Amino acid sequence: GSGVIISKDGYIVTNNHVIDGAERLEVTLNDNRTFNATVIGADPTTDLALIKIDENDLPVIPMGDSDALKVGEWVLAVGNPFGLTSTVTTGIVSAKARSISSATNGRRMGIESYIQTDAAVNPGNSGGALVNLNGELVGINTAIYSQTGNYAGYSFAIPTSIVTKIATDLKQYGTVQRAILGIS
């Protein structure tokens, strides 16, 4: 899997499915330094997790505004597919606020507001950065639509508008704070 450093003191966002069930987490940075990581919190509903390594003065990706993305805008998907370190693919934003539950045979996903791109995303890209051409994080690569399990033309990322809220809640409370109306 992949992850994104969001603070100089070692907080990293990744997908819940990347860390789910792990007995031990090890993070390898681009400079090949490795660190043991601890889970700060995870949210299966949005498939996001916040982990932390003990290190300071880490490079941090600037946060972009996923709401400002435009359909047709170029984006880059960064990650570690198939064990290849720091792979970058490019594509365009095909759709915003995309629901993919119908494409997954009715399986209800926790969020239904994905950024859809045609940037190649494969196993190992999960948790990696989707960035705009300014190098700002606009999403966390999470899913692909594929008959084979490998990239087949569509990839989906959780927008930073959701990532920021989930990561803040996990850091502050250890769980996600959700409003519940109390009726059905």
N, C-alpha and C. Protein backbone atom coordinates (compact mmCIF):
# COMPACT_ATOMS: atom_id res chain seq x y z
N GLY A 1 0.82 -1.20 0.00
CA GLY A 1 0.00 0.00 0.00
C GLY A 1 0.85 1.24 0.00
N SER A 2 0.19 2.36 -0.01
CA SER A 2 0.84 3.66 -0.05
C SER A 2 0.25 4.54 1.05
N GLY A 3 0.83 5.70 1.23
CA GLY A 3 0.32 6.64 2.22
C GLY A 3 0.81 8.04 1.91
N VAL A 4 0.26 9.01 2.63
CA VAL A 4 0.58 10.41 2.40
C VAL A 4 0.91 11.06 3.74
N ILE A 5 2.10 11.67 3.83
CA ILE A 5 2.51 12.36 5.05
C ILE A 5 1.78 13.70 5.10
N ILE A 6 1.01 13.90 6.18
CA ILE A 6 0.22 15.13 6.27
C ILE A 6 0.71 16.09 7.35
N SER A 7 1.73 15.67 8.14
CA SER A 7 2.29 16.59 9.14
C SER A 7 3.77 16.27 9.35
N LYS A 8 4.53 17.31 9.67
CA LYS A 8 5.98 17.17 9.85
C LYS A 8 6.34 16.18 10.96
N ASP A 9 5.41 15.99 11.92
CA ASP A 9 5.70 15.11 13.05
C ASP A 9 5.24 13.67 12.84
N GLY A 10 4.98 13.27 11.59
CA GLY A 10 4.82 11.86 11.29
C GLY A 10 3.43 11.30 11.12
N TYR A 11 2.41 12.13 11.02
CA TYR A 11 1.07 11.60 10.76
C TYR A 11 0.92 11.29 9.27
N ILE A 12 0.39 10.12 8.98
CA ILE A 12 0.26 9.63 7.61
C ILE A 12 -1.17 9.13 7.39
N VAL A 13 -1.77 9.54 6.28
CA VAL A 13 -3.09 9.06 5.90
C VAL A 13 -2.91 7.93 4.88
N THR A 14 -3.69 6.87 5.04
CA THR A 14 -3.72 5.77 4.09
C THR A 14 -5.14 5.22 4.06
N ASN A 15 -5.34 4.14 3.35
CA ASN A 15 -6.65 3.49 3.35
C ASN A 15 -6.75 2.51 4.51
N ASN A 16 -7.95 2.37 5.04
CA ASN A 16 -8.20 1.38 6.08
C ASN A 16 -7.88 -0.02 5.56
N HIS A 17 -8.24 -0.32 4.31
CA HIS A 17 -8.00 -1.67 3.80
C HIS A 17 -6.51 -1.99 3.65
N VAL A 18 -5.64 -0.97 3.67
CA VAL A 18 -4.20 -1.19 3.62
C VAL A 18 -3.69 -1.70 4.97
N ILE A 19 -4.24 -1.20 6.06
CA ILE A 19 -3.73 -1.53 7.40
C ILE A 19 -4.61 -2.52 8.15
N ASP A 20 -5.80 -2.78 7.65
CA ASP A 20 -6.77 -3.63 8.34
C ASP A 20 -6.20 -5.03 8.58
N GLY A 21 -6.21 -5.46 9.83
CA GLY A 21 -5.76 -6.79 10.18
C GLY A 21 -4.26 -6.94 10.33
N ALA A 22 -3.52 -5.86 10.15
CA ALA A 22 -2.05 -5.94 10.27
C ALA A 22 -1.64 -6.13 11.72
N GLU A 23 -0.66 -6.97 11.95
CA GLU A 23 -0.11 -7.14 13.29
C GLU A 23 1.00 -6.13 13.55
N ARG A 24 1.68 -5.71 12.48
CA ARG A 24 2.77 -4.75 12.60
C ARG A 24 2.78 -3.89 11.35
N LEU A 25 3.00 -2.59 11.52
CA LEU A 25 3.06 -1.67 10.38
C LEU A 25 4.47 -1.13 10.25
N GLU A 26 4.99 -1.17 9.04
CA GLU A 26 6.30 -0.61 8.75
C GLU A 26 6.15 0.35 7.58
N VAL A 27 6.66 1.56 7.75
CA VAL A 27 6.59 2.60 6.73
C VAL A 27 7.99 2.79 6.17
N THR A 28 8.09 2.75 4.84
CA THR A 28 9.35 3.03 4.16
C THR A 28 9.18 4.33 3.38
N LEU A 29 10.05 5.29 3.66
CA LEU A 29 10.00 6.58 2.98
C LEU A 29 10.75 6.49 1.65
N ASN A 30 10.60 7.52 0.82
CA ASN A 30 11.28 7.55 -0.48
C ASN A 30 12.79 7.44 -0.37
N ASP A 31 13.36 7.91 0.75
CA ASP A 31 14.82 7.83 0.93
C ASP A 31 15.24 6.50 1.55
N ASN A 32 14.32 5.53 1.58
CA ASN A 32 14.53 4.16 2.07
C ASN A 32 14.68 4.03 3.59
N ARG A 33 14.45 5.11 4.33
CA ARG A 33 14.40 4.97 5.79
C ARG A 33 13.12 4.24 6.15
N THR A 34 13.19 3.33 7.13
CA THR A 34 12.01 2.60 7.56
C THR A 34 11.70 2.90 9.02
N PHE A 35 10.42 2.90 9.33
CA PHE A 35 9.94 3.21 10.68
C PHE A 35 8.79 2.27 11.02
N ASN A 36 8.71 1.90 12.28
CA ASN A 36 7.51 1.22 12.76
C ASN A 36 6.43 2.29 12.92
N ALA A 37 5.20 1.91 12.62
CA ALA A 37 4.10 2.87 12.71
C ALA A 37 3.03 2.33 13.66
N THR A 38 2.29 3.25 14.26
CA THR A 38 1.16 2.88 15.11
C THR A 38 -0.11 3.45 14.48
N VAL A 39 -1.20 2.74 14.70
CA VAL A 39 -2.49 3.19 14.19
C VAL A 39 -3.07 4.19 15.19
N ILE A 40 -3.36 5.38 14.73
CA ILE A 40 -4.01 6.40 15.55
C ILE A 40 -5.51 6.17 15.53
N GLY A 41 -6.02 5.82 14.36
CA GLY A 41 -7.44 5.55 14.22
C GLY A 41 -7.73 5.09 12.81
N ALA A 42 -8.82 4.37 12.67
CA ALA A 42 -9.22 3.88 11.36
C ALA A 42 -10.74 4.00 11.23
N ASP A 43 -11.18 4.22 10.01
CA ASP A 43 -12.61 4.36 9.74
C ASP A 43 -12.99 3.51 8.54
N PRO A 44 -13.47 2.28 8.79
CA PRO A 44 -13.85 1.40 7.68
C PRO A 44 -14.94 2.00 6.79
N THR A 45 -15.80 2.84 7.33
CA THR A 45 -16.90 3.41 6.56
C THR A 45 -16.39 4.24 5.39
N THR A 46 -15.35 5.05 5.62
CA THR A 46 -14.78 5.86 4.54
C THR A 46 -13.52 5.22 3.97
N ASP A 47 -13.09 4.09 4.54
CA ASP A 47 -11.87 3.39 4.12
C ASP A 47 -10.63 4.27 4.28
N LEU A 48 -10.60 5.03 5.39
CA LEU A 48 -9.43 5.85 5.69
C LEU A 48 -8.83 5.43 7.03
N ALA A 49 -7.53 5.62 7.15
CA ALA A 49 -6.84 5.35 8.41
C ALA A 49 -5.76 6.41 8.62
N LEU A 50 -5.49 6.71 9.88
CA LEU A 50 -4.43 7.63 10.25
C LEU A 50 -3.41 6.85 11.06
N ILE A 51 -2.17 6.86 10.59
CA ILE A 51 -1.09 6.18 11.31
C ILE A 51 -0.02 7.20 11.63
N LYS A 52 0.93 6.82 12.50
CA LYS A 52 1.98 7.77 12.90
C LYS A 52 3.31 7.04 13.04
N ILE A 53 4.35 7.74 12.57
CA ILE A 53 5.71 7.28 12.80
C ILE A 53 6.40 8.29 13.70
N ASP A 54 7.42 7.86 14.45
CA ASP A 54 8.16 8.75 15.33
C ASP A 54 9.32 9.38 14.58
N GLU A 55 9.05 10.51 13.97
CA GLU A 55 10.07 11.25 13.23
C GLU A 55 9.59 12.69 13.12
N ASN A 56 10.53 13.61 13.03
CA ASN A 56 10.20 15.03 12.90
C ASN A 56 10.80 15.58 11.62
N ASP A 57 10.37 16.77 11.24
CA ASP A 57 10.85 17.48 10.05
C ASP A 57 10.69 16.66 8.77
N LEU A 58 9.56 15.97 8.66
CA LEU A 58 9.26 15.21 7.45
C LEU A 58 8.69 16.14 6.37
N PRO A 59 8.91 15.81 5.11
CA PRO A 59 8.27 16.61 4.05
C PRO A 59 6.77 16.36 4.07
N VAL A 60 6.01 17.42 3.91
CA VAL A 60 4.55 17.34 3.99
C VAL A 60 3.96 17.79 2.66
N ILE A 61 2.97 17.06 2.18
CA ILE A 61 2.32 17.43 0.94
C ILE A 61 1.35 18.59 1.23
N PRO A 62 1.34 19.61 0.38
CA PRO A 62 0.37 20.68 0.59
C PRO A 62 -1.05 20.19 0.29
N MET A 63 -2.01 20.59 1.11
CA MET A 63 -3.41 20.20 0.91
C MET A 63 -4.03 21.08 -0.17
N GLY A 64 -4.68 20.43 -1.09
CA GLY A 64 -5.41 21.14 -2.12
C GLY A 64 -6.90 21.13 -1.82
N ASP A 65 -7.65 21.79 -2.65
CA ASP A 65 -9.10 21.90 -2.48
C ASP A 65 -9.79 21.00 -3.50
N SER A 66 -10.24 19.84 -3.06
CA SER A 66 -10.90 18.90 -3.98
C SER A 66 -12.20 19.49 -4.54
N ASP A 67 -12.83 20.38 -3.81
CA ASP A 67 -14.06 21.01 -4.31
C ASP A 67 -13.79 21.91 -5.51
N ALA A 68 -12.56 22.42 -5.63
CA ALA A 68 -12.21 23.31 -6.73
C ALA A 68 -11.80 22.55 -7.99
N LEU A 69 -11.64 21.22 -7.88
CA LEU A 69 -11.30 20.42 -9.07
C LEU A 69 -12.37 20.57 -10.14
N LYS A 70 -11.94 20.54 -11.37
CA LYS A 70 -12.87 20.62 -12.50
C LYS A 70 -12.80 19.33 -13.30
N VAL A 71 -13.92 18.89 -13.83
CA VAL A 71 -13.93 17.75 -14.73
C VAL A 71 -13.08 18.13 -15.95
N GLY A 72 -12.17 17.24 -16.33
CA GLY A 72 -11.24 17.51 -17.42
C GLY A 72 -9.89 17.99 -16.96
N GLU A 73 -9.75 18.32 -15.67
CA GLU A 73 -8.48 18.78 -15.13
C GLU A 73 -7.50 17.61 -15.02
N TRP A 74 -6.22 17.88 -15.31
CA TRP A 74 -5.18 16.86 -15.19
C TRP A 74 -4.84 16.60 -13.73
N VAL A 75 -4.63 15.33 -13.41
CA VAL A 75 -4.21 14.93 -12.06
C VAL A 75 -3.13 13.84 -12.18
N LEU A 76 -2.39 13.65 -11.11
CA LEU A 76 -1.35 12.63 -11.04
C LEU A 76 -1.66 11.69 -9.88
N ALA A 77 -1.53 10.39 -10.11
CA ALA A 77 -1.70 9.39 -9.06
C ALA A 77 -0.31 8.89 -8.67
N VAL A 78 0.02 9.02 -7.38
CA VAL A 78 1.35 8.64 -6.88
C VAL A 78 1.17 7.47 -5.92
N GLY A 79 2.03 6.47 -6.06
CA GLY A 79 1.94 5.33 -5.15
C GLY A 79 2.99 4.30 -5.45
N ASN A 80 2.77 3.10 -4.91
CA ASN A 80 3.73 2.02 -5.00
C ASN A 80 3.08 0.75 -5.54
N PRO A 81 2.55 0.78 -6.77
CA PRO A 81 1.89 -0.43 -7.29
C PRO A 81 2.90 -1.53 -7.58
N PHE A 82 2.48 -2.77 -7.31
CA PHE A 82 3.30 -3.94 -7.59
C PHE A 82 4.69 -3.86 -6.96
N GLY A 83 4.83 -3.11 -5.85
CA GLY A 83 6.12 -2.99 -5.18
C GLY A 83 7.08 -2.03 -5.84
N LEU A 84 6.64 -1.30 -6.85
CA LEU A 84 7.49 -0.31 -7.52
C LEU A 84 7.38 1.00 -6.74
N THR A 85 8.50 1.51 -6.26
CA THR A 85 8.50 2.70 -5.41
C THR A 85 8.25 3.96 -6.23
N SER A 86 7.40 4.81 -5.70
CA SER A 86 7.15 6.15 -6.25
C SER A 86 6.81 6.15 -7.73
N THR A 87 5.76 5.44 -8.06
CA THR A 87 5.27 5.44 -9.43
C THR A 87 4.27 6.58 -9.58
N VAL A 88 4.35 7.28 -10.70
CA VAL A 88 3.44 8.38 -10.98
C VAL A 88 2.74 8.10 -12.31
N THR A 89 1.42 8.17 -12.29
CA THR A 89 0.65 8.06 -13.53
C THR A 89 -0.20 9.32 -13.66
N THR A 90 -0.65 9.59 -14.85
CA THR A 90 -1.42 10.81 -15.08
C THR A 90 -2.76 10.48 -15.70
N GLY A 91 -3.70 11.37 -15.50
CA GLY A 91 -5.02 11.22 -16.08
C GLY A 91 -5.80 12.50 -15.93
N ILE A 92 -7.06 12.44 -16.27
CA ILE A 92 -7.92 13.59 -16.09
C ILE A 92 -9.05 13.22 -15.14
N VAL A 93 -9.63 14.24 -14.53
CA VAL A 93 -10.80 14.04 -13.69
C VAL A 93 -11.97 13.76 -14.62
N SER A 94 -12.55 12.57 -14.48
CA SER A 94 -13.68 12.18 -15.32
C SER A 94 -15.01 12.59 -14.70
N ALA A 95 -15.06 12.56 -13.37
CA ALA A 95 -16.29 12.91 -12.66
C ALA A 95 -15.94 13.26 -11.22
N LYS A 96 -16.82 14.03 -10.61
CA LYS A 96 -16.72 14.33 -9.18
C LYS A 96 -17.99 13.82 -8.52
N ALA A 97 -17.91 13.54 -7.24
CA ALA A 97 -19.07 13.07 -6.46
C ALA A 97 -19.65 11.80 -7.08
N ARG A 98 -18.76 10.92 -7.56
CA ARG A 98 -19.18 9.68 -8.22
C ARG A 98 -19.57 8.63 -7.19
N SER A 99 -20.73 8.03 -7.40
CA SER A 99 -21.18 6.89 -6.62
C SER A 99 -20.77 5.63 -7.36
N ILE A 100 -20.18 4.66 -6.65
CA ILE A 100 -19.75 3.44 -7.34
C ILE A 100 -20.43 2.19 -6.80
N SER A 101 -21.45 2.34 -5.96
CA SER A 101 -22.11 1.15 -5.41
C SER A 101 -22.78 0.33 -6.50
N SER A 102 -23.30 0.96 -7.56
CA SER A 102 -23.92 0.20 -8.64
C SER A 102 -22.88 -0.58 -9.43
N ALA A 103 -21.66 -0.06 -9.51
CA ALA A 103 -20.59 -0.76 -10.22
C ALA A 103 -20.00 -1.89 -9.39
N THR A 104 -20.28 -1.91 -8.10
CA THR A 104 -19.77 -2.98 -7.24
C THR A 104 -20.89 -3.92 -6.85
N ASN A 105 -21.82 -4.12 -7.78
CA ASN A 105 -22.93 -5.05 -7.60
C ASN A 105 -23.78 -4.75 -6.38
N GLY A 106 -24.05 -3.45 -6.18
CA GLY A 106 -24.95 -3.05 -5.11
C GLY A 106 -24.35 -3.03 -3.73
N ARG A 107 -23.05 -3.40 -3.62
CA ARG A 107 -22.41 -3.36 -2.31
C ARG A 107 -22.31 -1.92 -1.86
N ARG A 108 -22.90 -1.60 -0.73
CA ARG A 108 -22.96 -0.22 -0.23
C ARG A 108 -21.58 0.22 0.24
N MET A 109 -21.09 1.29 -0.37
CA MET A 109 -19.81 1.86 0.03
C MET A 109 -20.07 2.92 1.09
N GLY A 110 -19.07 3.20 1.93
CA GLY A 110 -19.24 4.15 3.01
C GLY A 110 -19.40 5.58 2.54
N ILE A 111 -18.72 5.93 1.46
CA ILE A 111 -18.90 7.26 0.90
C ILE A 111 -19.30 7.09 -0.55
N GLU A 112 -20.03 8.02 -1.03
CA GLU A 112 -20.47 7.97 -2.42
C GLU A 112 -20.17 9.31 -3.07
N SER A 113 -18.94 9.78 -2.89
CA SER A 113 -18.55 11.07 -3.44
C SER A 113 -17.10 11.00 -3.92
N TYR A 114 -16.80 10.00 -4.74
CA TYR A 114 -15.44 9.79 -5.22
C TYR A 114 -15.08 10.74 -6.36
N ILE A 115 -13.78 11.00 -6.48
CA ILE A 115 -13.23 11.64 -7.66
C ILE A 115 -12.90 10.49 -8.61
N GLN A 116 -13.47 10.51 -9.80
CA GLN A 116 -13.15 9.48 -10.80
C GLN A 116 -12.13 10.02 -11.77
N THR A 117 -11.08 9.25 -12.03
CA THR A 117 -10.05 9.65 -12.99
C THR A 117 -9.74 8.47 -13.91
N ASP A 118 -8.95 8.74 -14.93
CA ASP A 118 -8.43 7.65 -15.75
C ASP A 118 -6.93 7.48 -15.53
N ALA A 119 -6.42 8.00 -14.40
CA ALA A 119 -5.02 7.75 -14.04
C ALA A 119 -4.90 6.28 -13.64
N ALA A 120 -3.86 5.60 -14.14
CA ALA A 120 -3.69 4.18 -13.84
C ALA A 120 -3.40 3.98 -12.36
N VAL A 121 -4.26 3.21 -11.70
CA VAL A 121 -4.11 2.85 -10.29
C VAL A 121 -4.21 1.34 -10.20
N ASN A 122 -3.27 0.72 -9.51
CA ASN A 122 -3.21 -0.74 -9.41
C ASN A 122 -3.02 -1.14 -7.95
N PRO A 123 -3.07 -2.45 -7.66
CA PRO A 123 -2.81 -2.89 -6.29
C PRO A 123 -1.46 -2.35 -5.79
N GLY A 124 -1.50 -1.71 -4.64
CA GLY A 124 -0.33 -1.05 -4.07
C GLY A 124 -0.44 0.47 -4.13
N ASN A 125 -1.29 0.99 -5.02
CA ASN A 125 -1.54 2.43 -5.08
C ASN A 125 -2.47 2.88 -3.95
N SER A 126 -3.22 1.96 -3.35
CA SER A 126 -4.19 2.32 -2.33
C SER A 126 -3.54 3.13 -1.23
N GLY A 127 -4.20 4.24 -0.87
CA GLY A 127 -3.68 5.12 0.17
C GLY A 127 -2.75 6.19 -0.35
N GLY A 128 -2.41 6.12 -1.63
CA GLY A 128 -1.49 7.08 -2.22
C GLY A 128 -2.17 8.37 -2.62
N ALA A 129 -1.36 9.32 -3.03
CA ALA A 129 -1.84 10.67 -3.32
C ALA A 129 -2.39 10.80 -4.73
N LEU A 130 -3.49 11.51 -4.83
CA LEU A 130 -3.96 12.05 -6.10
C LEU A 130 -3.69 13.54 -6.00
N VAL A 131 -2.85 14.07 -6.88
CA VAL A 131 -2.45 15.47 -6.80
C VAL A 131 -2.83 16.21 -8.06
N ASN A 132 -3.05 17.52 -7.90
CA ASN A 132 -3.29 18.37 -9.07
C ASN A 132 -1.93 18.79 -9.64
N LEU A 133 -1.93 19.56 -10.71
CA LEU A 133 -0.68 19.93 -11.36
C LEU A 133 0.14 20.94 -10.55
N ASN A 134 -0.43 21.46 -9.46
CA ASN A 134 0.33 22.30 -8.54
C ASN A 134 1.01 21.47 -7.45
N GLY A 135 0.85 20.15 -7.51
CA GLY A 135 1.46 19.28 -6.51
C GLY A 135 0.69 19.24 -5.20
N GLU A 136 -0.56 19.67 -5.21
CA GLU A 136 -1.38 19.69 -4.00
C GLU A 136 -2.22 18.42 -3.92
N LEU A 137 -2.36 17.89 -2.74
CA LEU A 137 -3.17 16.71 -2.53
C LEU A 137 -4.64 17.06 -2.74
N VAL A 138 -5.30 16.33 -3.64
CA VAL A 138 -6.73 16.54 -3.86
C VAL A 138 -7.54 15.28 -3.56
N GLY A 139 -6.85 14.14 -3.35
CA GLY A 139 -7.57 12.92 -3.03
C GLY A 139 -6.63 11.80 -2.60
N ILE A 140 -7.22 10.76 -2.02
CA ILE A 140 -6.49 9.54 -1.64
C ILE A 140 -7.00 8.42 -2.55
N ASN A 141 -6.10 7.86 -3.35
CA ASN A 141 -6.46 6.79 -4.27
C ASN A 141 -6.96 5.58 -3.48
N THR A 142 -8.13 5.06 -3.87
CA THR A 142 -8.78 4.06 -3.05
C THR A 142 -9.28 2.85 -3.79
N ALA A 143 -9.83 3.04 -4.97
CA ALA A 143 -10.51 1.93 -5.63
C ALA A 143 -10.34 2.00 -7.14
N ILE A 144 -10.51 0.85 -7.76
CA ILE A 144 -10.58 0.78 -9.21
C ILE A 144 -11.81 -0.01 -9.59
N TYR A 145 -12.29 0.21 -10.79
CA TYR A 145 -13.35 -0.64 -11.33
C TYR A 145 -12.67 -1.55 -12.33
N SER A 146 -12.71 -2.86 -12.05
CA SER A 146 -11.97 -3.79 -12.88
C SER A 146 -12.58 -5.18 -12.82
N GLN A 147 -12.57 -5.88 -13.94
CA GLN A 147 -13.01 -7.27 -13.98
C GLN A 147 -11.87 -8.19 -13.53
N THR A 148 -10.62 -7.70 -13.60
CA THR A 148 -9.45 -8.55 -13.37
C THR A 148 -8.74 -8.28 -12.05
N GLY A 149 -9.02 -7.16 -11.41
CA GLY A 149 -8.30 -6.77 -10.20
C GLY A 149 -7.17 -5.80 -10.48
N ASN A 150 -6.85 -5.59 -11.75
CA ASN A 150 -5.85 -4.60 -12.15
C ASN A 150 -6.54 -3.49 -12.93
N TYR A 151 -5.84 -2.40 -13.12
CA TYR A 151 -6.39 -1.20 -13.75
C TYR A 151 -7.03 -1.51 -15.09
N ALA A 152 -8.24 -1.01 -15.28
CA ALA A 152 -8.95 -1.23 -16.53
C ALA A 152 -9.58 0.06 -17.04
N GLY A 153 -9.06 1.20 -16.62
CA GLY A 153 -9.53 2.45 -17.18
C GLY A 153 -10.17 3.42 -16.22
N TYR A 154 -10.59 2.97 -15.04
CA TYR A 154 -11.25 3.86 -14.10
C TYR A 154 -10.61 3.72 -12.73
N SER A 155 -10.35 4.83 -12.08
CA SER A 155 -9.87 4.79 -10.70
C SER A 155 -10.63 5.84 -9.89
N PHE A 156 -10.66 5.61 -8.59
CA PHE A 156 -11.48 6.45 -7.71
C PHE A 156 -10.66 6.87 -6.50
N ALA A 157 -10.82 8.13 -6.12
CA ALA A 157 -10.09 8.70 -4.99
C ALA A 157 -11.07 9.38 -4.04
N ILE A 158 -10.75 9.30 -2.75
CA ILE A 158 -11.54 10.00 -1.74
C ILE A 158 -11.08 11.46 -1.74
N PRO A 159 -11.99 12.41 -1.92
CA PRO A 159 -11.59 13.82 -2.00
C PRO A 159 -11.05 14.35 -0.67
N THR A 160 -10.15 15.34 -0.77
CA THR A 160 -9.56 15.91 0.45
C THR A 160 -10.61 16.57 1.34
N SER A 161 -11.73 16.98 0.79
CA SER A 161 -12.78 17.56 1.64
C SER A 161 -13.25 16.53 2.67
N ILE A 162 -13.22 15.26 2.32
CA ILE A 162 -13.58 14.19 3.27
C ILE A 162 -12.36 13.76 4.07
N VAL A 163 -11.21 13.61 3.40
CA VAL A 163 -9.98 13.15 4.06
C VAL A 163 -9.61 14.05 5.23
N THR A 164 -9.68 15.37 5.03
CA THR A 164 -9.30 16.32 6.08
C THR A 164 -10.17 16.16 7.32
N LYS A 165 -11.47 16.02 7.13
CA LYS A 165 -12.39 15.87 8.26
C LYS A 165 -12.13 14.56 9.00
N ILE A 166 -11.97 13.47 8.27
CA ILE A 166 -11.75 12.16 8.89
C ILE A 166 -10.42 12.14 9.64
N ALA A 167 -9.34 12.63 9.00
CA ALA A 167 -8.02 12.64 9.64
C ALA A 167 -8.01 13.51 10.89
N THR A 168 -8.67 14.65 10.84
CA THR A 168 -8.75 15.54 12.01
C THR A 168 -9.48 14.84 13.16
N ASP A 169 -10.61 14.21 12.86
CA ASP A 169 -11.36 13.49 13.90
C ASP A 169 -10.55 12.33 14.48
N LEU A 170 -9.89 11.56 13.62
CA LEU A 170 -9.10 10.43 14.11
C LEU A 170 -7.97 10.90 15.01
N LYS A 171 -7.33 12.00 14.64
CA LYS A 171 -6.23 12.55 15.44
C LYS A 171 -6.73 13.08 16.77
N GLN A 172 -7.85 13.78 16.74
CA GLN A 172 -8.36 14.43 17.95
C GLN A 172 -9.12 13.48 18.86
N TYR A 173 -9.94 12.59 18.28
CA TYR A 173 -10.83 11.75 19.09
C TYR A 173 -10.54 10.26 19.00
N GLY A 174 -9.74 9.84 18.01
CA GLY A 174 -9.48 8.42 17.81
C GLY A 174 -10.59 7.71 17.07
N THR A 175 -11.65 8.43 16.78
CA THR A 175 -12.78 7.90 16.02
C THR A 175 -13.41 9.05 15.25
N VAL A 176 -14.26 8.73 14.30
CA VAL A 176 -14.89 9.78 13.50
C VAL A 176 -16.18 10.24 14.17
N GLN A 177 -16.33 11.54 14.28
CA GLN A 177 -17.53 12.14 14.87
C GLN A 177 -18.56 12.34 13.76
N ARG A 178 -19.70 11.66 13.89
CA ARG A 178 -20.75 11.79 12.87
C ARG A 178 -22.03 12.26 13.53
N ALA A 179 -22.74 13.09 12.81
CA ALA A 179 -24.05 13.53 13.28
C ALA A 179 -25.08 12.45 12.95
N ILE A 180 -25.93 12.14 13.89
CA ILE A 180 -26.99 11.15 13.65
C ILE A 180 -28.31 11.82 13.97
N LEU A 181 -29.22 11.75 13.01
CA LEU A 181 -30.51 12.40 13.17
C LEU A 181 -31.39 11.67 14.17
N GLY A 182 -31.34 10.35 14.21
CA GLY A 182 -32.09 9.60 15.22
C GLY A 182 -33.46 9.15 14.79
N ILE A 183 -33.75 9.26 13.50
CA ILE A 183 -35.03 8.77 13.00
C ILE A 183 -34.77 7.90 11.78
N SER A 184 -35.75 7.10 11.44
CA SER A 184 -35.62 6.32 10.20
C SER A 184 -37.00 6.11 9.60
